[in-house]
Amino acid sequence: MTLIKLCGNFRLQDIDYLNEVRPDLAGIILVPHKRRLVSLALAQKIRSQLDAKIPLVGVFLNQDADEILKYREIIQIVQLHGNESEREISKIQQAGLPVIKVMKPDHQYKTQAMCRMIDAGAGTGKTFDWENFQPLESLDFLAGGLTPDNLQQAISLLKPKVVDISSGTECNGIKNLEKMREVVRIARSNK
């Protein structure tokens, strides 16, 4: 079964949807000046409302490890989208938060992070050439432009352990319960 992370949740209503569709992971954006930014106070509310069995992933971009560690009582996993050093990754992981390091398909490298995510647009919702993609190692996470319409194709071609979907579960920038339900169904149907 392919695991699924539903990211970009920024309203308490989104958390009700997550609790209903039960993804394997849920994500919140903790990057300043991003549209789906969640404040520290809202992050705390989200964690308290989200089912305790669903790990919460905090998404960061070129933020200091000490700033990231302010969230360690709220999130269970850190997702890094920037140019964070291996030293910063180590510091975060030694503090008890596993790290997902995001890389572009044409710029893969070894890392001490718990796992790697391949995302062509680093949160822009763009796909890449799946058919000609050659992963450096086994594909832990796949992100970028995944929707209910192309998710099965992506899983069949690349066989990622986890798919990560954000805007592909939205209508007009707001989470849509039916789309969330459909992508979870598709991921879970892949044995």
N, C-alpha and C. Protein backbone atom coordinates (compact mmCIF):
# COMPACT_ATOMS: atom_id res chain seq x y z
N MET A 1 0.84 -1.18 0.00
CA MET A 1 0.00 0.00 0.00
C MET A 1 0.89 1.24 0.00
N THR A 2 0.56 2.18 -0.85
CA THR A 2 1.25 3.46 -0.87
C THR A 2 0.70 4.32 0.26
N LEU A 3 1.59 4.90 1.04
CA LEU A 3 1.15 5.80 2.11
C LEU A 3 0.88 7.18 1.52
N ILE A 4 0.11 7.99 2.27
CA ILE A 4 -0.26 9.30 1.74
C ILE A 4 -0.16 10.38 2.81
N LYS A 5 0.41 11.52 2.39
CA LYS A 5 0.47 12.71 3.24
C LYS A 5 -0.38 13.78 2.58
N LEU A 6 -1.29 14.36 3.34
CA LEU A 6 -2.09 15.48 2.85
C LEU A 6 -1.56 16.74 3.50
N CYS A 7 -1.06 17.66 2.68
CA CYS A 7 -0.35 18.83 3.18
C CYS A 7 -1.12 20.12 2.89
N GLY A 8 -0.60 21.23 3.44
CA GLY A 8 -1.18 22.54 3.18
C GLY A 8 -2.47 22.80 3.93
N ASN A 9 -2.65 22.13 5.05
CA ASN A 9 -3.86 22.32 5.85
C ASN A 9 -3.69 23.59 6.68
N PHE A 10 -4.68 24.49 6.60
CA PHE A 10 -4.53 25.75 7.32
C PHE A 10 -5.81 26.24 7.99
N ARG A 11 -6.87 25.45 7.93
CA ARG A 11 -8.12 25.81 8.61
C ARG A 11 -8.50 24.67 9.55
N LEU A 12 -9.22 24.99 10.61
CA LEU A 12 -9.67 23.92 11.51
C LEU A 12 -10.63 22.98 10.78
N GLN A 13 -11.36 23.49 9.80
CA GLN A 13 -12.24 22.63 8.99
C GLN A 13 -11.42 21.56 8.27
N ASP A 14 -10.20 21.92 7.83
CA ASP A 14 -9.33 20.95 7.16
C ASP A 14 -9.02 19.78 8.09
N ILE A 15 -8.88 20.07 9.37
CA ILE A 15 -8.54 19.03 10.33
C ILE A 15 -9.72 18.08 10.51
N ASP A 16 -10.93 18.60 10.48
CA ASP A 16 -12.11 17.72 10.51
C ASP A 16 -12.08 16.78 9.32
N TYR A 17 -11.73 17.31 8.15
CA TYR A 17 -11.63 16.47 6.95
C TYR A 17 -10.55 15.41 7.12
N LEU A 18 -9.39 15.81 7.64
CA LEU A 18 -8.29 14.85 7.85
C LEU A 18 -8.72 13.73 8.79
N ASN A 19 -9.41 14.08 9.85
CA ASN A 19 -9.85 13.06 10.80
C ASN A 19 -10.85 12.11 10.16
N GLU A 20 -11.57 12.59 9.16
CA GLU A 20 -12.52 11.72 8.46
C GLU A 20 -11.82 10.80 7.45
N VAL A 21 -10.90 11.35 6.64
CA VAL A 21 -10.29 10.55 5.57
C VAL A 21 -9.07 9.76 6.02
N ARG A 22 -8.46 10.13 7.15
CA ARG A 22 -7.40 9.38 7.81
C ARG A 22 -6.16 9.12 6.95
N PRO A 23 -5.47 10.19 6.49
CA PRO A 23 -4.22 9.96 5.78
C PRO A 23 -3.17 9.42 6.75
N ASP A 24 -2.05 8.96 6.21
CA ASP A 24 -0.97 8.44 7.06
C ASP A 24 -0.20 9.58 7.73
N LEU A 25 -0.16 10.74 7.07
CA LEU A 25 0.51 11.93 7.60
C LEU A 25 -0.29 13.16 7.19
N ALA A 26 -0.21 14.20 8.01
CA ALA A 26 -0.83 15.48 7.66
C ALA A 26 0.25 16.55 7.75
N GLY A 27 0.15 17.57 6.89
CA GLY A 27 1.18 18.60 6.88
C GLY A 27 0.63 20.00 7.03
N ILE A 28 1.44 20.85 7.69
CA ILE A 28 1.12 22.27 7.81
C ILE A 28 2.35 23.08 7.38
N ILE A 29 2.09 24.24 6.80
CA ILE A 29 3.15 25.12 6.31
C ILE A 29 3.54 26.09 7.42
N LEU A 30 4.81 26.11 7.76
CA LEU A 30 5.32 26.98 8.82
C LEU A 30 6.38 27.93 8.25
N VAL A 31 6.22 28.27 6.98
CA VAL A 31 7.14 29.16 6.26
C VAL A 31 6.52 30.55 6.20
N PRO A 32 7.20 31.58 6.74
CA PRO A 32 6.65 32.94 6.68
C PRO A 32 6.32 33.37 5.25
N HIS A 33 5.26 34.14 5.12
CA HIS A 33 4.84 34.77 3.86
C HIS A 33 4.29 33.78 2.83
N LYS A 34 3.99 32.54 3.22
CA LYS A 34 3.34 31.61 2.31
C LYS A 34 1.83 31.69 2.54
N ARG A 35 1.07 31.45 1.48
CA ARG A 35 -0.39 31.59 1.55
C ARG A 35 -1.01 30.70 2.63
N ARG A 36 -0.52 29.50 2.76
CA ARG A 36 -1.12 28.55 3.71
C ARG A 36 -0.41 28.57 5.08
N LEU A 37 0.32 29.63 5.37
CA LEU A 37 1.06 29.73 6.63
C LEU A 37 0.13 29.52 7.82
N VAL A 38 0.63 28.72 8.77
CA VAL A 38 -0.08 28.46 10.02
C VAL A 38 0.74 29.09 11.15
N SER A 39 0.10 29.88 11.99
CA SER A 39 0.79 30.49 13.13
C SER A 39 1.07 29.43 14.20
N LEU A 40 1.93 29.77 15.14
CA LEU A 40 2.23 28.85 16.24
C LEU A 40 0.95 28.51 17.01
N ALA A 41 0.12 29.50 17.29
CA ALA A 41 -1.13 29.26 18.03
C ALA A 41 -2.06 28.34 17.25
N LEU A 42 -2.19 28.58 15.94
CA LEU A 42 -3.06 27.72 15.14
C LEU A 42 -2.47 26.32 15.02
N ALA A 43 -1.15 26.22 14.91
CA ALA A 43 -0.50 24.90 14.86
C ALA A 43 -0.84 24.10 16.12
N GLN A 44 -0.83 24.76 17.26
CA GLN A 44 -1.18 24.08 18.51
C GLN A 44 -2.63 23.59 18.49
N LYS A 45 -3.54 24.43 17.98
CA LYS A 45 -4.95 24.03 17.88
C LYS A 45 -5.11 22.85 16.92
N ILE A 46 -4.40 22.92 15.78
CA ILE A 46 -4.48 21.85 14.79
C ILE A 46 -4.02 20.54 15.41
N ARG A 47 -2.88 20.57 16.10
CA ARG A 47 -2.37 19.33 16.71
C ARG A 47 -3.36 18.79 17.73
N SER A 48 -3.98 19.65 18.51
CA SER A 48 -4.92 19.16 19.53
C SER A 48 -6.20 18.62 18.90
N GLN A 49 -6.59 19.15 17.75
CA GLN A 49 -7.82 18.69 17.08
C GLN A 49 -7.56 17.48 16.18
N LEU A 50 -6.35 17.34 15.65
CA LEU A 50 -6.02 16.23 14.76
C LEU A 50 -5.90 14.94 15.56
N ASP A 51 -6.45 13.86 15.02
CA ASP A 51 -6.35 12.56 15.67
C ASP A 51 -4.89 12.28 16.04
N ALA A 52 -4.66 11.86 17.27
CA ALA A 52 -3.30 11.62 17.77
C ALA A 52 -2.56 10.56 16.97
N LYS A 53 -3.28 9.69 16.26
CA LYS A 53 -2.64 8.63 15.47
C LYS A 53 -2.12 9.14 14.13
N ILE A 54 -2.43 10.39 13.76
CA ILE A 54 -1.97 10.96 12.50
C ILE A 54 -0.80 11.90 12.80
N PRO A 55 0.43 11.52 12.44
CA PRO A 55 1.58 12.40 12.68
C PRO A 55 1.44 13.70 11.89
N LEU A 56 1.87 14.79 12.53
CA LEU A 56 1.81 16.10 11.90
C LEU A 56 3.22 16.51 11.44
N VAL A 57 3.31 16.86 10.16
CA VAL A 57 4.58 17.26 9.54
C VAL A 57 4.59 18.78 9.42
N GLY A 58 5.67 19.40 9.89
CA GLY A 58 5.84 20.84 9.74
C GLY A 58 6.76 21.11 8.56
N VAL A 59 6.33 21.97 7.64
CA VAL A 59 7.10 22.30 6.44
C VAL A 59 7.84 23.62 6.66
N PHE A 60 9.15 23.60 6.42
CA PHE A 60 10.01 24.75 6.64
C PHE A 60 10.87 25.02 5.40
N LEU A 61 11.37 26.27 5.29
CA LEU A 61 12.20 26.67 4.16
C LEU A 61 13.29 27.61 4.65
N ASN A 62 14.54 27.12 4.67
CA ASN A 62 15.69 27.94 5.05
C ASN A 62 15.51 28.64 6.40
N GLN A 63 14.92 27.92 7.35
CA GLN A 63 14.74 28.46 8.69
C GLN A 63 15.76 27.83 9.63
N ASP A 64 16.18 28.58 10.60
CA ASP A 64 17.17 28.14 11.57
C ASP A 64 16.65 26.93 12.36
N ALA A 65 17.55 26.01 12.67
CA ALA A 65 17.17 24.81 13.42
C ALA A 65 16.52 25.17 14.74
N ASP A 66 17.01 26.20 15.42
CA ASP A 66 16.42 26.59 16.71
C ASP A 66 14.98 27.06 16.54
N GLU A 67 14.70 27.77 15.45
CA GLU A 67 13.33 28.20 15.17
C GLU A 67 12.43 26.99 14.92
N ILE A 68 12.93 26.04 14.15
CA ILE A 68 12.17 24.82 13.85
C ILE A 68 11.87 24.05 15.13
N LEU A 69 12.86 23.99 16.02
CA LEU A 69 12.69 23.20 17.25
C LEU A 69 11.68 23.81 18.21
N LYS A 70 11.25 25.05 17.99
CA LYS A 70 10.17 25.64 18.80
C LYS A 70 8.87 24.85 18.62
N TYR A 71 8.77 24.10 17.53
CA TYR A 71 7.55 23.36 17.21
C TYR A 71 7.61 21.89 17.66
N ARG A 72 8.65 21.50 18.37
CA ARG A 72 8.84 20.07 18.64
C ARG A 72 7.76 19.44 19.50
N GLU A 73 6.98 20.23 20.23
CA GLU A 73 5.87 19.68 21.02
C GLU A 73 4.60 19.58 20.16
N ILE A 74 4.63 20.14 18.96
CA ILE A 74 3.44 20.20 18.10
C ILE A 74 3.56 19.23 16.93
N ILE A 75 4.72 19.23 16.28
CA ILE A 75 4.90 18.38 15.08
C ILE A 75 5.71 17.14 15.44
N GLN A 76 5.55 16.12 14.61
CA GLN A 76 6.28 14.87 14.82
C GLN A 76 7.39 14.67 13.79
N ILE A 77 7.31 15.39 12.66
CA ILE A 77 8.29 15.26 11.57
C ILE A 77 8.53 16.65 10.99
N VAL A 78 9.76 16.90 10.54
CA VAL A 78 10.14 18.16 9.90
C VAL A 78 10.38 17.89 8.42
N GLN A 79 9.83 18.75 7.56
CA GLN A 79 10.06 18.67 6.12
C GLN A 79 10.80 19.94 5.70
N LEU A 80 11.99 19.77 5.13
CA LEU A 80 12.85 20.89 4.78
C LEU A 80 12.91 21.09 3.27
N HIS A 81 12.53 22.27 2.81
CA HIS A 81 12.46 22.58 1.38
C HIS A 81 13.60 23.46 0.89
N GLY A 82 14.51 23.86 1.76
CA GLY A 82 15.51 24.85 1.35
C GLY A 82 16.91 24.30 1.21
N ASN A 83 17.87 25.15 1.54
CA ASN A 83 19.29 24.79 1.43
C ASN A 83 19.88 24.47 2.80
N GLU A 84 19.10 23.80 3.61
CA GLU A 84 19.55 23.47 4.97
C GLU A 84 20.76 22.54 4.91
N SER A 85 21.71 22.78 5.82
CA SER A 85 22.93 21.99 5.85
C SER A 85 22.70 20.65 6.53
N GLU A 86 23.62 19.73 6.28
CA GLU A 86 23.57 18.43 6.95
C GLU A 86 23.72 18.62 8.46
N ARG A 87 24.47 19.65 8.86
CA ARG A 87 24.64 19.96 10.28
C ARG A 87 23.30 20.33 10.92
N GLU A 88 22.51 21.16 10.22
CA GLU A 88 21.19 21.54 10.73
C GLU A 88 20.26 20.33 10.77
N ILE A 89 20.31 19.50 9.74
CA ILE A 89 19.50 18.29 9.72
C ILE A 89 19.84 17.42 10.92
N SER A 90 21.13 17.26 11.18
CA SER A 90 21.58 16.46 12.32
C SER A 90 21.08 17.04 13.64
N LYS A 91 21.16 18.35 13.79
CA LYS A 91 20.71 18.99 15.03
C LYS A 91 19.22 18.74 15.26
N ILE A 92 18.44 18.86 14.22
CA ILE A 92 16.99 18.65 14.33
C ILE A 92 16.69 17.20 14.68
N GLN A 93 17.36 16.28 14.00
CA GLN A 93 17.10 14.85 14.26
C GLN A 93 17.59 14.44 15.65
N GLN A 94 18.71 14.99 16.09
CA GLN A 94 19.20 14.66 17.43
C GLN A 94 18.25 15.18 18.51
N ALA A 95 17.45 16.20 18.19
CA ALA A 95 16.45 16.72 19.12
C ALA A 95 15.17 15.89 19.10
N GLY A 96 15.15 14.83 18.28
CA GLY A 96 14.01 13.92 18.28
C GLY A 96 13.00 14.11 17.18
N LEU A 97 13.28 14.98 16.21
CA LEU A 97 12.35 15.17 15.09
C LEU A 97 12.98 14.63 13.81
N PRO A 98 12.42 13.55 13.25
CA PRO A 98 12.93 13.04 11.99
C PRO A 98 12.73 14.08 10.88
N VAL A 99 13.64 14.06 9.89
CA VAL A 99 13.62 15.05 8.81
C VAL A 99 13.36 14.38 7.47
N ILE A 100 12.48 15.02 6.69
CA ILE A 100 12.28 14.70 5.27
C ILE A 100 12.98 15.83 4.51
N LYS A 101 13.97 15.50 3.69
CA LYS A 101 14.68 16.52 2.91
C LYS A 101 14.12 16.52 1.48
N VAL A 102 13.65 17.67 1.04
CA VAL A 102 13.06 17.81 -0.28
C VAL A 102 14.14 18.15 -1.30
N MET A 103 14.10 17.45 -2.44
CA MET A 103 15.07 17.65 -3.52
C MET A 103 14.34 17.70 -4.86
N LYS A 104 14.95 18.40 -5.80
CA LYS A 104 14.41 18.42 -7.16
C LYS A 104 14.88 17.16 -7.88
N PRO A 105 14.13 16.70 -8.88
CA PRO A 105 14.49 15.46 -9.57
C PRO A 105 15.87 15.50 -10.21
N ASP A 106 16.30 16.68 -10.66
CA ASP A 106 17.60 16.81 -11.32
C ASP A 106 18.71 17.26 -10.36
N HIS A 107 18.41 17.26 -9.07
CA HIS A 107 19.42 17.65 -8.07
C HIS A 107 19.26 16.77 -6.82
N GLN A 108 19.51 15.46 -7.02
CA GLN A 108 19.42 14.51 -5.92
C GLN A 108 20.79 14.31 -5.30
N TYR A 109 20.82 14.05 -4.01
CA TYR A 109 22.08 13.80 -3.33
C TYR A 109 21.82 12.99 -2.07
N LYS A 110 22.88 12.43 -1.54
CA LYS A 110 22.79 11.65 -0.30
C LYS A 110 22.61 12.62 0.86
N THR A 111 21.86 12.19 1.85
CA THR A 111 21.60 13.00 3.02
C THR A 111 21.43 12.10 4.24
N GLN A 112 21.69 12.66 5.41
CA GLN A 112 21.45 11.91 6.64
C GLN A 112 20.01 12.05 7.12
N ALA A 113 19.21 12.83 6.39
CA ALA A 113 17.80 12.96 6.76
C ALA A 113 17.14 11.58 6.75
N MET A 114 16.08 11.42 7.53
CA MET A 114 15.37 10.15 7.62
C MET A 114 14.95 9.66 6.23
N CYS A 115 14.48 10.58 5.39
CA CYS A 115 14.11 10.20 4.03
C CYS A 115 14.12 11.44 3.13
N ARG A 116 13.95 11.15 1.83
CA ARG A 116 14.01 12.19 0.81
C ARG A 116 12.67 12.30 0.11
N MET A 117 12.33 13.52 -0.27
CA MET A 117 11.14 13.77 -1.08
C MET A 117 11.59 14.39 -2.39
N ILE A 118 11.07 13.86 -3.50
CA ILE A 118 11.34 14.45 -4.81
C ILE A 118 10.12 15.29 -5.19
N ASP A 119 10.39 16.58 -5.46
CA ASP A 119 9.34 17.54 -5.78
C ASP A 119 9.92 18.54 -6.78
N ALA A 120 9.38 18.53 -7.99
CA ALA A 120 9.92 19.39 -9.04
C ALA A 120 9.81 20.87 -8.72
N GLY A 121 8.72 21.25 -8.09
CA GLY A 121 8.50 22.67 -7.89
C GLY A 121 8.64 23.14 -6.46
N ALA A 122 9.03 22.28 -5.56
CA ALA A 122 9.18 22.65 -4.14
C ALA A 122 7.96 23.39 -3.63
N GLY A 123 6.81 22.77 -3.82
CA GLY A 123 5.58 23.35 -3.29
C GLY A 123 4.78 24.16 -4.29
N THR A 124 5.16 24.14 -5.57
CA THR A 124 4.43 24.93 -6.57
C THR A 124 3.34 24.13 -7.27
N GLY A 125 3.24 22.82 -6.99
CA GLY A 125 2.21 22.02 -7.61
C GLY A 125 2.51 21.63 -9.05
N LYS A 126 3.79 21.58 -9.41
CA LYS A 126 4.18 21.20 -10.77
C LYS A 126 4.67 19.77 -10.81
N THR A 127 4.29 19.05 -11.86
CA THR A 127 4.80 17.69 -12.06
C THR A 127 6.13 17.77 -12.81
N PHE A 128 6.77 16.60 -12.96
CA PHE A 128 7.99 16.52 -13.76
C PHE A 128 7.88 15.29 -14.64
N ASP A 129 8.89 15.03 -15.45
CA ASP A 129 8.88 13.91 -16.40
C ASP A 129 9.05 12.60 -15.65
N TRP A 130 7.94 12.02 -15.23
CA TRP A 130 7.97 10.79 -14.43
C TRP A 130 8.58 9.63 -15.20
N GLU A 131 8.30 9.54 -16.50
CA GLU A 131 8.74 8.38 -17.28
C GLU A 131 10.26 8.29 -17.41
N ASN A 132 10.95 9.43 -17.42
CA ASN A 132 12.41 9.42 -17.58
C ASN A 132 13.16 9.68 -16.29
N PHE A 133 12.45 9.72 -15.19
CA PHE A 133 13.08 10.01 -13.90
C PHE A 133 13.86 8.79 -13.40
N GLN A 134 15.08 9.05 -12.93
CA GLN A 134 15.92 8.00 -12.35
C GLN A 134 16.25 8.38 -10.90
N PRO A 135 15.61 7.71 -9.93
CA PRO A 135 15.92 8.05 -8.54
C PRO A 135 17.31 7.60 -8.15
N LEU A 136 17.97 8.42 -7.33
CA LEU A 136 19.30 8.09 -6.82
C LEU A 136 19.22 6.88 -5.89
N GLU A 137 18.18 6.85 -5.10
CA GLU A 137 17.91 5.75 -4.16
C GLU A 137 16.43 5.43 -4.29
N SER A 138 15.95 4.49 -3.48
CA SER A 138 14.52 4.20 -3.53
C SER A 138 13.74 5.49 -3.25
N LEU A 139 12.59 5.61 -3.87
CA LEU A 139 11.81 6.85 -3.78
C LEU A 139 10.95 6.83 -2.53
N ASP A 140 11.36 7.63 -1.53
CA ASP A 140 10.61 7.68 -0.28
C ASP A 140 9.30 8.44 -0.47
N PHE A 141 9.41 9.72 -0.84
CA PHE A 141 8.24 10.60 -1.00
C PHE A 141 8.24 11.18 -2.40
N LEU A 142 7.05 11.26 -3.00
CA LEU A 142 6.86 11.92 -4.29
C LEU A 142 5.84 13.03 -4.09
N ALA A 143 6.18 14.24 -4.58
CA ALA A 143 5.27 15.38 -4.49
C ALA A 143 5.33 16.15 -5.80
N GLY A 144 4.41 17.08 -5.93
CA GLY A 144 4.43 17.98 -7.08
C GLY A 144 3.34 17.70 -8.09
N GLY A 145 2.27 18.46 -8.02
CA GLY A 145 1.23 18.39 -9.03
C GLY A 145 0.36 17.14 -8.99
N LEU A 146 0.39 16.40 -7.91
CA LEU A 146 -0.42 15.19 -7.82
C LEU A 146 -1.89 15.55 -7.57
N THR A 147 -2.77 14.89 -8.33
CA THR A 147 -4.22 15.14 -8.24
C THR A 147 -4.94 13.81 -8.30
N PRO A 148 -6.26 13.81 -8.05
CA PRO A 148 -7.00 12.56 -8.22
C PRO A 148 -6.89 12.00 -9.65
N ASP A 149 -6.64 12.89 -10.64
CA ASP A 149 -6.58 12.45 -12.03
C ASP A 149 -5.25 11.81 -12.43
N ASN A 150 -4.14 12.16 -11.77
CA ASN A 150 -2.86 11.60 -12.19
C ASN A 150 -2.16 10.76 -11.12
N LEU A 151 -2.76 10.65 -9.96
CA LEU A 151 -2.10 9.96 -8.85
C LEU A 151 -1.80 8.50 -9.16
N GLN A 152 -2.76 7.79 -9.75
CA GLN A 152 -2.54 6.37 -10.05
C GLN A 152 -1.39 6.19 -11.04
N GLN A 153 -1.31 7.05 -12.04
CA GLN A 153 -0.22 6.97 -13.01
C GLN A 153 1.13 7.18 -12.32
N ALA A 154 1.21 8.17 -11.44
CA ALA A 154 2.45 8.46 -10.73
C ALA A 154 2.88 7.27 -9.87
N ILE A 155 1.94 6.68 -9.17
CA ILE A 155 2.24 5.53 -8.31
C ILE A 155 2.70 4.34 -9.15
N SER A 156 2.00 4.10 -10.25
CA SER A 156 2.35 2.97 -11.11
C SER A 156 3.74 3.12 -11.72
N LEU A 157 4.09 4.32 -12.15
CA LEU A 157 5.39 4.54 -12.80
C LEU A 157 6.55 4.57 -11.81
N LEU A 158 6.37 5.25 -10.67
CA LEU A 158 7.49 5.53 -9.79
C LEU A 158 7.52 4.70 -8.50
N LYS A 159 6.40 4.14 -8.13
CA LYS A 159 6.31 3.30 -6.94
C LYS A 159 6.89 3.96 -5.68
N PRO A 160 6.46 5.19 -5.38
CA PRO A 160 6.95 5.84 -4.17
C PRO A 160 6.38 5.17 -2.93
N LYS A 161 7.10 5.26 -1.83
CA LYS A 161 6.57 4.73 -0.57
C LYS A 161 5.43 5.61 -0.07
N VAL A 162 5.59 6.95 -0.28
CA VAL A 162 4.59 7.92 0.19
C VAL A 162 4.35 8.95 -0.90
N VAL A 163 3.10 9.32 -1.11
CA VAL A 163 2.76 10.44 -1.99
C VAL A 163 2.32 11.62 -1.11
N ASP A 164 2.66 12.82 -1.55
CA ASP A 164 2.38 14.03 -0.79
C ASP A 164 1.56 14.96 -1.67
N ILE A 165 0.36 15.29 -1.22
CA ILE A 165 -0.56 16.07 -2.04
C ILE A 165 -1.06 17.27 -1.25
N SER A 166 -1.05 18.44 -1.89
CA SER A 166 -1.57 19.65 -1.26
C SER A 166 -2.64 20.28 -2.14
N SER A 167 -2.23 21.08 -3.14
CA SER A 167 -3.22 21.78 -3.96
C SER A 167 -4.10 20.83 -4.76
N GLY A 168 -3.64 19.61 -4.99
CA GLY A 168 -4.45 18.62 -5.71
C GLY A 168 -5.68 18.15 -4.96
N THR A 169 -5.81 18.60 -3.71
CA THR A 169 -7.02 18.26 -2.93
C THR A 169 -7.84 19.51 -2.64
N GLU A 170 -7.66 20.54 -3.48
CA GLU A 170 -8.36 21.80 -3.24
C GLU A 170 -9.23 22.20 -4.42
N CYS A 171 -10.22 23.01 -4.11
CA CYS A 171 -11.03 23.72 -5.11
C CYS A 171 -10.95 25.19 -4.72
N ASN A 172 -10.49 26.01 -5.65
CA ASN A 172 -10.34 27.45 -5.40
C ASN A 172 -9.53 27.74 -4.14
N GLY A 173 -8.46 26.96 -3.94
CA GLY A 173 -7.56 27.22 -2.83
C GLY A 173 -8.00 26.73 -1.46
N ILE A 174 -9.12 26.00 -1.42
CA ILE A 174 -9.65 25.50 -0.14
C ILE A 174 -9.77 23.97 -0.24
N LYS A 175 -9.41 23.28 0.84
CA LYS A 175 -9.49 21.82 0.86
C LYS A 175 -10.89 21.35 0.53
N ASN A 176 -10.95 20.26 -0.25
CA ASN A 176 -12.21 19.69 -0.69
C ASN A 176 -12.28 18.25 -0.17
N LEU A 177 -13.29 17.97 0.63
CA LEU A 177 -13.41 16.67 1.26
C LEU A 177 -13.45 15.54 0.25
N GLU A 178 -14.19 15.70 -0.83
CA GLU A 178 -14.30 14.62 -1.82
C GLU A 178 -12.96 14.33 -2.49
N LYS A 179 -12.20 15.37 -2.82
CA LYS A 179 -10.88 15.16 -3.42
C LYS A 179 -9.93 14.49 -2.43
N MET A 180 -10.00 14.91 -1.18
CA MET A 180 -9.17 14.28 -0.15
C MET A 180 -9.52 12.80 -0.01
N ARG A 181 -10.79 12.52 0.02
CA ARG A 181 -11.26 11.14 0.13
C ARG A 181 -10.77 10.30 -1.05
N GLU A 182 -10.83 10.89 -2.25
CA GLU A 182 -10.46 10.16 -3.47
C GLU A 182 -8.97 9.85 -3.52
N VAL A 183 -8.10 10.81 -3.18
CA VAL A 183 -6.67 10.52 -3.24
C VAL A 183 -6.25 9.49 -2.18
N VAL A 184 -6.88 9.52 -1.03
CA VAL A 184 -6.59 8.50 -0.01
C VAL A 184 -7.03 7.13 -0.53
N ARG A 185 -8.19 7.07 -1.16
CA ARG A 185 -8.67 5.79 -1.71
C ARG A 185 -7.70 5.25 -2.77
N ILE A 186 -7.24 6.13 -3.67
CA ILE A 186 -6.33 5.70 -4.73
C ILE A 186 -5.03 5.18 -4.13
N ALA A 187 -4.45 5.93 -3.21
CA ALA A 187 -3.18 5.50 -2.60
C ALA A 187 -3.34 4.16 -1.91
N ARG A 188 -4.42 3.99 -1.16
CA ARG A 188 -4.62 2.76 -0.39
C ARG A 188 -4.93 1.56 -1.29
N SER A 189 -5.38 1.80 -2.51
CA SER A 189 -5.71 0.70 -3.41
C SER A 189 -4.47 0.08 -4.03
N ASN A 190 -3.31 0.70 -3.83
CA ASN A 190 -2.05 0.20 -4.39
C ASN A 190 -1.33 -0.66 -3.36
N LYS A 191 -1.32 -1.93 -3.62
CA LYS A 191 -0.71 -2.88 -2.67
C LYS A 191 0.80 -2.94 -2.83
